[in-house]
Amino acid sequence: MVIYLAGEVDDELRLDELTPRQIVAALDKHVVGQQAAKRAVAIALRNRVRRQKLPPDMAADVMPKNIIMIGSTGVGKTEIARRLARMSNSPFLKVEASKFTEVGYVGRDVESMIRDLTEIAVEMTRAEKIDEIADKAELNVEERILDLLLPPPKSSLASGYFDFDEEEETPESAEVAQSAPRDENFQRTREKLRAQLRAGKLDNRIVEIEVREKSFPTIELAGPQGIEEMGINMKDMLGNMFQGRTKRRKMRVDEAMECLLQEEEERLIDMDIVARAAMERVESAGIIFLDEIDKIAGRESGGGPDVSREGVQRDILPIVEGTTVNTRYGMVRTDHILFIAAGAFHVSKPSDLIPELQGRFPIRVELESLTIEDFKRILTEPKNALIKQYQALLETEGVQLEFTPDAISAVAEFAAQVNEQTENIGARRLHTIMEKLLDEISFEGPDLEPKQQRLDAAYVNRMLAETVKDQDLSRYIL
């Protein structure tokens, strides 16, 4: 399977041509530092490409090297995994390990993560198929709208110029069909209408179209595989019963085109092919980010009503080891899905996981805590850095926002200081700091004068110093 990159690096490069060094360079555009973690995921992604080039019998035995990322919140664990998935165009699911419960307790079962990942893959594959047939679908819808605005004459239907059997003969069409010159006039009129339609001049015209009814009763049943699974199956069954019913509705041309386009896309796309491709995509390229793995670390299984953390680990183990999960699209094997686990491990440590689960995560990388210098880089260096985002937002209202180097340093210092005094939430602290800093400018934005706003260290100190100094207030606000 050849997967093309979507805008992360050079458009002419394919995934199978990217070296680990180039993958790290692409990640550097969005995540500051954490080179060890980037190297680990780059190697894992490259090994996936290498495995596809092996003979099938050997490729089946090459298992992905799953990764555990160890680091406090806000240091870039999730962002690295998410950017990696976006770069490789892989189905990606982020799920918290703490949301699962062992069998017998109320909660989601671990197999639901595979079903959710399959749904994501189906949507991704369907969107790609829609892009492929978009031009054809739009052209078909355009013809249907033109037939509503100007029904084709009988002579054209008889000679095979048009293929719209549902159109009824009208007195106007019978009159047009009486002579060949009138057929030519009809064609010229149709092309004029087509030009007006494409220019949006006919959007307010009212047309009557037949639309399929999509609403149907919702029924939830609890079954062996859970409410969510049975609910989906019942919706499929009921959807097939109700989808054949149609009704006539009057609407504007632009609304009708949107409605007909959805119907046309459904007609042109074979969902069986989409489902098969999506399942293959999950099995060979899926990535699951298992967050908060440290919350279920521990081997105690004492009595009482509490859910055993070890029990949850044992339920997750078969999914990571490799098993077959029943989804609404068919059976999905999890052997070659890449699992990236992450956790702060402040209280527990990776060795507290059960040995079987530890063995399925052979690669462990520790992410570094962020320093003042890291905060400065996060504010300015990434492709869509935080300062660039605020500048772009305010520029929509004519406000030109400029940050001096000493202002950026002051923001970074305040963020580091608050992280030390309160909970350390990493780079997420910059969001709260920036919101507090730009509170007045954002509120006054449309009416702000002058439009040129230059923020220096003095302004930063004036807006933040008192809040940071007041411990109780900083805990509440920042």
Foldseek 3Di string as FASTA:
>chain_A
DWFAFDPLDPRVDTLQRDALVNQLVSVVQAAPDPSVVSSVVSVQSNVLSVLVPDPPVVSVVDFGQAEEEAAFFARQQVVSQVVSCNGRVAQEAEDELVQDFFPPDPGAFLLVRVQVSLVSLLVSLLVVVCVVCVVVLLVVLLVVLLCQVPPAAPQCVVVVVDDDVVDDHDPVSPVLNPDPVSNVVSVVVSVVVSVCVVVVVQQAPKTKDKAFDQDDDFDFDQDPNGRVQRRVVVSVVRRVVRRVDIDIDIDGPVVSSVRSSVVSSVVPDDSLVSSVVSLVSCQSGAEYEHEALVVLQADDDDDDDDGHSLSSLVSCLCLLCWDWRQYPSGIHINRHYHYYYYHNCPPHDLVSHPPSSSVSNVHYDYRDADALVSQLCQQPRHPCHPVNVVQVVLVVLPAHEAEDPQLSSLLSVLLVLLCVLDPNNGNVSSVLLVCQLCVVCVVCRNVDPPSYHYDHNVSSCVRPVVQSVPSVNVVVRD
